[in-house]
Protein backbone atom coordinates (compact mmCIF):
# COMPACT_ATOMS: atom_id res chain seq x y z
CA MET A 1 92.36 103.88 57.25
CA THR A 2 90.11 106.43 58.93
CA TYR A 3 91.65 107.91 62.07
CA GLN A 4 89.78 108.95 65.19
CA ALA A 5 92.32 111.67 66.02
CA ILE A 6 95.00 113.79 64.37
CA MET A 7 97.68 115.44 66.47
CA PHE A 8 99.73 118.27 64.97
CA ASP A 9 103.12 119.77 65.71
CA ILE A 10 103.11 123.58 65.45
CA ASP A 11 106.43 124.92 64.16
CA GLY A 12 107.08 123.84 60.59
CA THR A 13 103.73 122.06 60.43
CA LEU A 14 100.94 124.53 61.17
CA THR A 15 103.02 127.69 61.13
CA ASN A 16 105.97 128.94 59.12
CA SER A 17 107.85 130.18 62.15
CA GLN A 18 111.47 129.37 61.32
CA PRO A 19 112.37 132.85 59.97
CA ALA A 20 111.06 134.46 63.16
CA TYR A 21 112.75 131.79 65.29
CA ALA A 22 116.11 132.39 63.63
CA LYS A 23 115.80 136.15 64.10
CA VAL A 24 114.82 135.85 67.76
CA MET A 25 117.45 133.26 68.63
CA GLY A 26 120.10 135.30 66.87
CA GLN A 27 119.28 138.28 69.08
CA VAL A 28 119.15 136.25 72.29
CA LEU A 29 122.40 134.42 71.49
CA SER A 30 124.13 137.74 70.83
CA GLU A 31 123.39 138.64 74.44
CA TYR A 32 125.44 135.55 75.38
CA ASP A 33 128.19 136.57 72.93
CA LYS A 34 127.52 133.41 70.95
CA PRO A 35 127.03 133.10 67.20
CA PHE A 36 123.86 131.59 65.75
CA THR A 37 124.33 130.21 62.27
CA ALA A 38 121.83 128.97 59.70
CA ALA A 39 122.96 125.45 60.58
CA ASP A 40 122.25 126.14 64.26
CA ALA A 41 118.78 127.38 63.36
CA GLN A 42 118.04 124.26 61.32
CA ALA A 43 119.35 121.93 64.03
CA THR A 44 117.66 123.55 67.03
CA PHE A 45 114.36 124.56 65.44
CA PRO A 46 112.52 121.31 66.34
CA MET A 47 114.10 121.06 69.79
CA ALA A 48 112.67 121.88 73.18
CA ALA A 49 114.37 124.83 74.86
CA GLU A 50 116.54 122.65 77.12
CA GLN A 51 117.78 120.63 74.14
CA ALA A 52 118.52 123.76 72.12
CA MET A 53 120.46 125.29 75.00
CA ALA A 54 122.58 122.16 75.38
CA HIS A 55 123.26 122.11 71.64
CA LEU A 56 124.34 125.75 71.72
CA GLY A 57 126.55 125.40 74.80
CA ILE A 58 124.40 127.39 77.21
CA ALA A 59 124.38 126.16 80.80
CA ALA A 60 121.19 124.51 82.03
CA THR A 61 121.35 126.79 85.08
CA ASP A 62 120.63 129.72 82.74
CA PHE A 63 117.32 128.21 81.66
CA ASP A 64 114.98 130.68 83.39
CA HIS A 65 116.85 133.71 82.08
CA PHE A 66 117.28 132.27 78.59
CA GLN A 67 113.61 131.32 78.31
CA ALA A 68 112.45 134.69 79.64
CA ARG A 69 114.59 136.53 77.10
CA TYR A 70 113.41 134.29 74.26
CA GLU A 71 109.75 134.84 75.13
CA ALA A 72 110.25 138.60 75.53
CA VAL A 73 111.94 138.98 72.16
CA MET A 74 109.54 136.61 70.41
CA ALA A 75 106.62 138.72 71.65
CA ASP A 76 107.74 141.37 69.16
CA HIS A 77 107.81 138.90 66.27
CA TYR A 78 104.53 136.98 66.39
CA GLN A 79 103.37 139.07 63.42
CA ASP A 80 106.21 137.49 61.42
CA ILE A 81 104.74 134.01 61.89
CA THR A 82 102.20 132.85 59.33
CA LEU A 83 100.10 129.77 58.73
CA TYR A 84 101.18 127.60 55.85
CA PRO A 85 98.79 127.90 52.88
CA GLY A 86 95.99 125.39 53.23
CA ILE A 87 96.20 124.88 57.01
CA ALA A 88 93.11 126.95 57.85
CA ASP A 89 91.11 125.22 55.09
CA LEU A 90 92.29 121.80 56.25
CA LEU A 91 91.20 122.36 59.83
CA GLN A 92 87.87 123.72 58.64
CA GLN A 93 87.18 120.76 56.33
CA LEU A 94 88.27 117.80 58.45
CA PRO A 95 85.29 115.71 59.64
CA ALA A 96 83.82 116.91 62.92
CA SER A 97 84.10 113.35 64.25
CA VAL A 98 87.92 113.52 64.13
CA LYS A 99 89.47 114.75 67.37
CA LEU A 100 92.20 117.33 66.79
CA GLY A 101 95.10 118.24 69.02
CA ILE A 102 98.54 119.79 69.30
CA VAL A 103 101.75 118.24 70.62
CA THR A 104 104.55 120.79 70.64
CA SER A 105 107.93 121.50 72.19
CA GLN A 106 106.86 125.11 72.72
CA ARG A 107 106.24 126.31 76.25
CA ARG A 108 102.56 126.86 77.01
CA ASN A 109 102.93 130.64 77.29
CA GLU A 110 104.55 130.73 73.86
CA MET A 111 101.92 128.45 72.34
CA VAL A 112 99.02 130.43 73.79
CA SER A 113 100.50 133.79 72.78
CA GLY A 114 101.46 132.70 69.29
CA MET A 115 98.31 130.75 68.43
CA ALA A 116 95.62 132.84 70.14
CA GLN A 117 94.96 134.74 66.91
CA TYR A 118 93.67 131.62 65.13
CA ASP A 119 90.01 130.67 65.45
CA PHE A 120 90.74 127.01 64.83
CA MET A 121 92.36 126.66 68.24
CA SER A 122 88.83 126.27 69.61
CA LYS A 123 88.65 123.01 67.62
CA MET A 124 91.56 121.47 69.52
CA ALA A 125 90.39 118.76 71.88
CA VAL A 126 93.80 118.65 73.57
CA THR A 127 97.03 120.66 73.58
CA ILE A 128 100.27 119.37 75.07
CA SER A 129 103.16 121.80 75.48
CA ALA A 130 106.66 121.36 76.87
CA ASP A 131 105.31 122.31 80.30
CA ASP A 132 102.77 119.51 80.44
CA THR A 133 104.94 116.38 80.64
CA PRO A 134 108.29 115.68 82.34
CA LYS A 135 109.77 114.42 79.06
CA ARG A 136 109.90 116.11 75.65
CA LYS A 137 109.76 114.90 72.08
CA PRO A 138 111.23 112.61 70.74
CA ASP A 139 110.19 110.76 73.89
CA PRO A 140 106.70 109.36 73.21
CA LEU A 141 105.22 110.67 76.48
CA PRO A 142 103.83 113.99 75.13
CA LEU A 143 102.06 112.28 72.23
CA LEU A 144 100.81 109.39 74.36
CA THR A 145 99.55 111.86 76.98
CA ALA A 146 97.62 113.78 74.33
CA ILE A 147 95.82 110.79 72.86
CA ASP A 148 95.17 109.29 76.28
CA ARG A 149 93.42 112.50 77.37
CA ILE A 150 90.99 112.21 74.46
CA ASP A 151 90.55 108.44 74.95
CA VAL A 152 91.97 107.36 71.59
CA ALA A 153 94.20 104.32 71.10
CA PRO A 154 97.61 104.84 69.44
CA SER A 155 96.53 102.68 66.50
CA ASN A 156 93.64 105.06 65.82
CA ALA A 157 95.70 108.27 65.88
CA LEU A 158 97.86 110.08 63.34
CA PHE A 159 100.66 112.49 64.22
CA VAL A 160 101.51 115.13 61.60
CA GLY A 161 104.89 116.83 61.91
CA ASP A 162 107.84 118.12 59.93
CA SER A 163 110.92 116.92 61.78
CA LEU A 164 112.89 113.78 62.55
CA SER A 165 112.04 114.41 66.19
CA ASP A 166 108.33 114.24 65.34
CA GLU A 167 108.88 111.05 63.34
CA GLN A 168 110.78 109.46 66.22
CA THR A 169 108.08 110.50 68.67
CA ALA A 170 105.38 108.84 66.59
CA ALA A 171 107.43 105.66 66.12
CA ALA A 172 108.12 105.36 69.84
CA ALA A 173 104.41 105.83 70.57
CA ASN A 174 103.31 103.32 67.89
CA VAL A 175 101.34 106.09 66.20
CA ASP A 176 101.27 106.51 62.42
CA PHE A 177 103.32 109.48 61.23
CA GLY A 178 102.39 111.88 58.46
CA LEU A 179 105.28 113.99 57.21
CA ALA A 180 104.48 117.64 56.54
CA VAL A 181 106.67 117.94 53.46
CA TRP A 182 105.90 121.66 53.16
CA GLY A 183 107.88 122.41 56.35
CA MET A 184 110.46 119.63 56.49
CA ASP A 185 114.22 119.98 56.39
CA PRO A 186 115.02 118.95 52.80
CA ASN A 187 118.21 117.25 54.01
CA ALA A 188 116.48 115.08 56.61
CA ASP A 189 116.31 111.33 55.97
CA HIS A 190 112.80 110.27 56.97
CA GLN A 191 112.38 106.49 57.11
CA GLN A 192 109.33 105.83 59.31
CA THR A 193 106.52 107.70 57.62
CA ALA A 194 103.07 106.27 56.91
CA TYR A 195 102.32 109.26 54.66
CA ARG A 196 104.16 112.09 52.96
CA PHE A 197 101.79 115.02 52.63
CA GLU A 198 102.96 117.45 49.96
CA GLN A 199 100.40 120.06 51.03
CA PRO A 200 98.00 120.31 53.99
CA LEU A 201 94.84 119.51 52.03
CA ASP A 202 96.34 116.14 51.07
CA ILE A 203 95.39 114.98 54.59
CA LEU A 204 91.71 115.17 53.58
CA LYS A 205 92.28 112.24 51.21
CA LEU A 206 92.38 109.96 54.27
CA PHE A 207 88.69 110.63 54.96
């Protein structure tokens, strides 16, 4: 079918940010005298900050300090984050009639700072960060809020993401899910995908 809107996750979908994430989290966790393993990085990468903290055993009362330290350290590593090959071309070649947006678990400050360098952000009709709704992915509220703001029905939208959390978000919102195979956890068991996109430009085949 032809969709009226495509919503994208950021980390693992638009950007290859996991190496930078692992480096930054390792430094921040060392300040808490806690280890941060490769398994921890894989597990927490798609999570909102509150979820990651709970997974890592950091008290919720430390949220402000933890988030401030994460953002401060990450500010020195934005140059380590790159777009996946084909993303810029995809966003340039999608039909102008298709509304584009972002639904991410990043905080808005992080999203703005990390994505400001990319011209295609001006094409985004809506951006929903972790600050914009009281619930986070995999709750459907962030995705439903995004498509509601651009006046598109769930049945006419596609959500492209790399994680089980993204898949669960789309399923709960009754939105078709396109799996970004290029950024997915190879050990994840995805069961509710309308499409498996091997590379970004495969999305153009829908139009």
